[in-house]
N, C-alpha and C. Protein backbone atom coordinates (compact mmCIF):
# COMPACT_ATOMS: atom_id res chain seq x y z
N MET A 1 149.97 35.25 97.66
CA MET A 1 149.54 35.93 96.47
C MET A 1 148.01 35.97 96.45
N GLY A 2 147.43 37.08 96.01
CA GLY A 2 145.99 37.29 96.03
C GLY A 2 145.28 36.58 94.90
N GLU A 3 143.99 36.87 94.80
CA GLU A 3 143.18 36.30 93.73
C GLU A 3 143.62 36.84 92.38
N LYS A 4 143.32 36.06 91.34
CA LYS A 4 143.62 36.50 89.98
C LYS A 4 142.69 37.63 89.60
N THR A 5 143.22 38.61 88.88
CA THR A 5 142.38 39.68 88.35
C THR A 5 141.60 39.14 87.14
N GLU A 6 140.59 39.89 86.72
CA GLU A 6 139.85 39.47 85.52
C GLU A 6 140.76 39.40 84.31
N ILE A 7 141.69 40.33 84.22
CA ILE A 7 142.64 40.31 83.08
C ILE A 7 143.44 39.01 83.12
N ASP A 8 143.89 38.62 84.31
CA ASP A 8 144.64 37.36 84.43
C ASP A 8 143.76 36.17 84.07
N GLN A 9 142.50 36.20 84.52
CA GLN A 9 141.58 35.10 84.22
C GLN A 9 141.34 34.99 82.72
N LEU A 10 141.13 36.15 82.07
CA LEU A 10 140.89 36.13 80.62
C LEU A 10 142.14 35.69 79.88
N ALA A 11 143.30 36.18 80.31
CA ALA A 11 144.56 35.77 79.65
C ALA A 11 144.74 34.26 79.76
N GLU A 12 144.41 33.70 80.89
CA GLU A 12 144.50 32.24 81.07
C GLU A 12 143.51 31.52 80.16
N LEU A 13 142.30 32.04 80.07
CA LEU A 13 141.28 31.46 79.18
C LEU A 13 141.74 31.50 77.73
N LEU A 14 142.40 32.58 77.33
CA LEU A 14 142.83 32.73 75.94
C LEU A 14 143.98 31.78 75.59
N GLN A 15 144.63 31.21 76.58
CA GLN A 15 145.70 30.24 76.31
C GLN A 15 145.14 28.97 75.67
N GLU A 16 143.88 28.63 76.01
CA GLU A 16 143.34 27.36 75.52
C GLU A 16 141.97 27.47 74.86
N ASP A 17 141.05 28.24 75.45
CA ASP A 17 139.66 28.20 75.03
C ASP A 17 139.19 29.45 74.30
N TRP A 18 140.09 30.16 73.64
CA TRP A 18 139.70 31.42 73.02
C TRP A 18 138.66 31.22 71.92
N GLY A 19 138.71 30.11 71.22
CA GLY A 19 137.73 29.83 70.18
C GLY A 19 136.33 29.67 70.75
N ASP A 20 136.24 29.20 71.99
CA ASP A 20 134.93 29.06 72.63
C ASP A 20 134.26 30.42 72.79
N LEU A 21 135.06 31.46 73.07
CA LEU A 21 134.49 32.81 73.17
C LEU A 21 133.91 33.26 71.83
N LEU A 22 134.60 32.95 70.74
CA LEU A 22 134.11 33.32 69.41
C LEU A 22 132.83 32.56 69.09
N ASP A 23 132.74 31.32 69.56
CA ASP A 23 131.55 30.51 69.31
C ASP A 23 130.32 31.07 70.02
N CYS A 24 130.52 31.92 71.03
CA CYS A 24 129.41 32.51 71.78
C CYS A 24 128.81 33.73 71.08
N ALA A 25 129.38 34.13 69.95
CA ALA A 25 128.87 35.31 69.23
C ALA A 25 127.40 35.10 68.90
N GLY A 26 126.59 36.11 69.19
CA GLY A 26 125.17 36.06 68.88
C GLY A 26 124.35 35.24 69.86
N THR A 27 124.96 34.82 70.96
CA THR A 27 124.23 34.05 71.98
C THR A 27 124.37 34.76 73.32
N ASP A 28 123.67 34.25 74.31
CA ASP A 28 123.82 34.76 75.68
C ASP A 28 124.75 33.88 76.49
N GLU A 29 125.41 32.95 75.84
CA GLU A 29 126.30 32.03 76.53
C GLU A 29 127.58 32.73 76.96
N ASP A 30 128.23 32.17 77.97
CA ASP A 30 129.51 32.72 78.41
C ASP A 30 130.50 31.59 78.59
N VAL A 31 131.76 31.96 78.67
CA VAL A 31 132.83 31.02 78.96
C VAL A 31 133.51 31.52 80.23
N ASP A 32 133.35 30.78 81.30
CA ASP A 32 133.92 31.15 82.60
C ASP A 32 133.53 32.57 83.02
N GLY A 33 132.30 32.98 82.68
CA GLY A 33 131.83 34.31 83.07
C GLY A 33 132.13 35.40 82.07
N PHE A 34 132.87 35.10 81.00
CA PHE A 34 133.19 36.08 79.96
C PHE A 34 132.23 35.91 78.80
N THR A 35 131.64 37.02 78.36
CA THR A 35 130.63 37.02 77.31
C THR A 35 131.13 37.77 76.09
N PHE A 36 130.95 37.18 74.91
CA PHE A 36 131.29 37.84 73.64
C PHE A 36 130.36 39.04 73.47
N VAL A 37 130.93 40.22 73.14
CA VAL A 37 130.13 41.42 72.90
C VAL A 37 130.10 41.74 71.41
N THR A 38 131.25 41.89 70.80
CA THR A 38 131.34 42.23 69.38
C THR A 38 132.75 41.97 68.88
N ASP A 39 132.90 42.01 67.59
CA ASP A 39 134.24 41.98 66.99
C ASP A 39 134.26 42.96 65.84
N GLU A 40 135.45 43.41 65.50
CA GLU A 40 135.60 44.37 64.41
C GLU A 40 136.87 44.06 63.64
N VAL A 41 136.80 44.23 62.33
CA VAL A 41 137.96 44.02 61.48
C VAL A 41 138.82 45.27 61.54
N LEU A 42 140.07 45.09 61.96
CA LEU A 42 141.01 46.20 62.04
C LEU A 42 141.79 46.38 60.75
N GLU A 43 142.07 45.26 60.09
CA GLU A 43 142.91 45.31 58.90
C GLU A 43 142.63 44.08 58.03
N LYS A 44 142.59 44.31 56.71
CA LYS A 44 142.42 43.20 55.77
C LYS A 44 143.76 42.95 55.10
N LYS A 45 144.19 41.69 55.12
CA LYS A 45 145.43 41.29 54.48
C LYS A 45 145.11 40.25 53.42
N SER A 46 146.10 39.81 52.70
CA SER A 46 145.88 38.85 51.62
C SER A 46 145.29 37.53 52.11
N TRP A 47 145.79 37.03 53.22
CA TRP A 47 145.41 35.70 53.67
C TRP A 47 144.54 35.68 54.91
N HIS A 48 144.37 36.83 55.56
CA HIS A 48 143.58 36.86 56.79
C HIS A 48 143.13 38.28 57.10
N THR A 49 142.19 38.38 58.03
CA THR A 49 141.81 39.68 58.59
C THR A 49 142.30 39.73 60.03
N VAL A 50 142.73 40.91 60.44
CA VAL A 50 143.12 41.13 61.83
C VAL A 50 141.86 41.64 62.54
N GLU A 51 141.41 40.92 63.55
CA GLU A 51 140.15 41.25 64.20
C GLU A 51 140.34 41.47 65.70
N ARG A 52 139.61 42.47 66.21
CA ARG A 52 139.59 42.74 67.65
C ARG A 52 138.26 42.23 68.19
N VAL A 53 138.33 41.44 69.24
CA VAL A 53 137.15 40.89 69.89
C VAL A 53 136.97 41.62 71.23
N ILE A 54 135.74 42.05 71.50
CA ILE A 54 135.41 42.68 72.76
C ILE A 54 134.58 41.69 73.57
N VAL A 55 134.98 41.47 74.82
CA VAL A 55 134.24 40.60 75.72
C VAL A 55 133.93 41.36 77.01
N ARG A 56 132.85 40.94 77.66
CA ARG A 56 132.48 41.50 78.96
C ARG A 56 132.83 40.47 80.03
N GLY A 57 133.55 40.93 81.05
CA GLY A 57 133.92 40.04 82.14
C GLY A 57 132.81 39.91 83.17
N PRO A 58 132.99 39.04 84.14
CA PRO A 58 131.97 38.84 85.17
C PRO A 58 131.63 40.12 85.95
N SER A 59 132.57 41.05 86.05
CA SER A 59 132.34 42.30 86.77
C SER A 59 131.57 43.32 85.94
N GLY A 60 131.44 43.07 84.63
CA GLY A 60 130.81 44.03 83.73
C GLY A 60 131.83 44.87 82.96
N ARG A 61 133.10 44.79 83.33
CA ARG A 61 134.14 45.50 82.59
C ARG A 61 134.36 44.83 81.24
N HIS A 62 134.85 45.62 80.27
CA HIS A 62 135.07 45.11 78.92
C HIS A 62 136.57 45.01 78.62
N TYR A 63 136.91 44.01 77.82
CA TYR A 63 138.30 43.74 77.46
C TYR A 63 138.37 43.41 75.98
N ALA A 64 139.54 43.66 75.40
CA ALA A 64 139.76 43.37 73.98
C ALA A 64 140.95 42.43 73.83
N PHE A 65 140.86 41.58 72.81
CA PHE A 65 142.01 40.80 72.38
C PHE A 65 141.96 40.73 70.86
N ILE A 66 143.08 40.43 70.24
CA ILE A 66 143.20 40.41 68.78
C ILE A 66 143.54 38.99 68.32
N TRP A 67 142.95 38.60 67.21
CA TRP A 67 143.32 37.34 66.56
C TRP A 67 143.29 37.55 65.06
N TRP A 68 143.88 36.62 64.32
CA TRP A 68 143.89 36.70 62.86
C TRP A 68 142.96 35.63 62.32
N ASN A 69 141.96 36.08 61.57
CA ASN A 69 140.95 35.20 61.01
C ASN A 69 141.36 34.83 59.58
N PRO A 70 141.56 33.53 59.30
CA PRO A 70 142.00 33.13 57.96
C PRO A 70 140.91 33.34 56.91
N LEU A 71 141.32 33.70 55.70
CA LEU A 71 140.38 33.91 54.61
C LEU A 71 140.32 32.72 53.65
N THR A 72 141.19 31.76 53.86
CA THR A 72 141.18 30.56 53.03
C THR A 72 141.17 29.33 53.93
N GLU A 73 140.77 28.21 53.35
CA GLU A 73 140.77 26.96 54.12
C GLU A 73 142.17 26.47 54.40
N ILE A 74 143.14 26.95 53.65
CA ILE A 74 144.53 26.51 53.82
C ILE A 74 145.15 27.16 55.05
N GLN A 75 144.78 28.39 55.32
CA GLN A 75 145.35 29.13 56.44
C GLN A 75 144.75 28.68 57.76
N GLU A 76 145.56 28.75 58.80
CA GLU A 76 145.11 28.45 60.16
C GLU A 76 144.85 29.77 60.88
N PRO A 77 143.90 29.80 61.82
CA PRO A 77 143.72 31.00 62.62
C PRO A 77 144.96 31.26 63.47
N VAL A 78 145.27 32.53 63.66
CA VAL A 78 146.39 32.89 64.54
C VAL A 78 145.78 33.31 65.87
N PRO A 79 146.05 32.54 66.93
CA PRO A 79 145.40 32.80 68.21
C PRO A 79 145.88 34.10 68.86
N PRO A 80 145.09 34.59 69.82
CA PRO A 80 145.46 35.82 70.51
C PRO A 80 146.82 35.74 71.19
N THR A 81 147.21 34.55 71.63
CA THR A 81 148.49 34.41 72.32
C THR A 81 149.66 34.73 71.40
N THR A 82 149.45 34.64 70.09
CA THR A 82 150.49 34.97 69.11
C THR A 82 150.24 36.35 68.50
N ALA A 83 148.96 36.70 68.26
CA ALA A 83 148.62 37.91 67.51
C ALA A 83 148.54 39.17 68.37
N SER A 84 148.37 39.03 69.67
CA SER A 84 148.03 40.17 70.51
C SER A 84 149.13 40.49 71.52
N ARG A 85 149.61 41.70 71.50
CA ARG A 85 150.55 42.19 72.51
C ARG A 85 150.15 43.59 72.89
N PRO A 86 149.70 43.85 74.10
CA PRO A 86 149.49 42.89 75.17
C PRO A 86 148.33 41.95 74.84
N LEU A 87 148.27 40.85 75.53
CA LEU A 87 147.26 39.84 75.23
C LEU A 87 145.85 40.37 75.48
N VAL A 88 145.63 41.04 76.60
CA VAL A 88 144.32 41.56 76.97
C VAL A 88 144.43 43.04 77.28
N THR A 89 143.52 43.83 76.73
CA THR A 89 143.50 45.27 76.98
C THR A 89 142.13 45.67 77.53
N PRO A 90 142.09 46.35 78.68
CA PRO A 90 140.80 46.87 79.14
C PRO A 90 140.31 47.95 78.17
N VAL A 91 139.03 47.95 77.86
CA VAL A 91 138.46 48.93 76.93
C VAL A 91 137.14 49.46 77.49
N ARG A 92 136.69 50.58 76.94
CA ARG A 92 135.37 51.11 77.27
C ARG A 92 134.75 51.62 75.98
N ALA A 93 133.44 51.64 75.94
CA ALA A 93 132.72 52.09 74.75
C ALA A 93 132.69 53.61 74.72
N VAL A 94 132.91 54.17 73.56
CA VAL A 94 132.77 55.61 73.31
C VAL A 94 131.79 55.74 72.16
N VAL A 95 130.67 56.41 72.41
CA VAL A 95 129.64 56.57 71.39
C VAL A 95 129.85 57.91 70.71
N GLU A 96 129.95 57.90 69.39
CA GLU A 96 130.16 59.12 68.61
C GLU A 96 129.05 59.23 67.57
N THR A 97 128.61 60.45 67.34
CA THR A 97 127.66 60.71 66.26
C THR A 97 128.45 61.25 65.08
N LYS A 98 128.26 60.65 63.92
CA LYS A 98 128.96 61.10 62.71
C LYS A 98 127.93 61.41 61.64
N THR A 99 128.24 62.42 60.83
CA THR A 99 127.39 62.77 59.71
C THR A 99 128.04 62.23 58.45
N ILE A 100 127.25 61.56 57.65
CA ILE A 100 127.75 61.00 56.40
C ILE A 100 127.04 61.68 55.24
N THR A 101 127.81 62.16 54.27
CA THR A 101 127.24 62.75 53.07
C THR A 101 127.31 61.71 51.96
N VAL A 102 126.17 61.47 51.33
CA VAL A 102 126.08 60.49 50.25
C VAL A 102 125.65 61.22 48.99
N THR A 103 126.35 60.98 47.88
CA THR A 103 125.97 61.55 46.59
C THR A 103 125.30 60.45 45.77
N ARG A 104 124.09 60.71 45.35
CA ARG A 104 123.38 59.78 44.49
C ARG A 104 123.24 60.43 43.12
N TRP A 105 123.26 59.66 42.07
CA TRP A 105 123.07 60.15 40.72
C TRP A 105 121.73 59.64 40.21
N VAL A 106 120.89 60.57 39.77
CA VAL A 106 119.57 60.19 39.27
C VAL A 106 119.40 60.73 37.85
N ALA A 107 118.57 60.04 37.10
CA ALA A 107 118.32 60.47 35.71
C ALA A 107 117.55 61.79 35.70
N GLU A 108 117.92 62.64 34.76
CA GLU A 108 117.19 63.89 34.57
C GLU A 108 115.84 63.59 33.93
N GLU A 109 114.84 64.31 34.34
CA GLU A 109 113.51 64.04 33.80
C GLU A 109 113.37 64.51 32.35
N ASN A 110 113.89 65.68 31.98
CA ASN A 110 113.76 66.22 30.62
C ASN A 110 115.09 66.10 29.89
N HIS A 111 115.48 64.94 29.56
CA HIS A 111 116.78 64.74 28.91
C HIS A 111 116.67 64.54 27.40
N ALA A 112 115.53 64.68 26.84
CA ALA A 112 115.36 64.44 25.40
C ALA A 112 115.97 65.51 24.55
């Protein structure tokens, strides 16, 4: 059998040390060559948020996994091994330009 793929390596890492990847947010640190890039809230629920984490592997490719972040001290985090199917998904960045229209309300100058 050949070498493990990066997906296999990340899936193995997520079995035990997935929290270490989250701890690397905002740093240049890595865990076994995997670097935290960003996370995004996919869904807000009563007791937790469903979050997607993007990491960069040693090759420079990007991967995503999902976990559930508790919103109360009573709740426990739901690890990717339970929350994510498939556990690891290869992803790529797509940059989009969007136009946002904002309506502001201002006082009329001659309202007397």
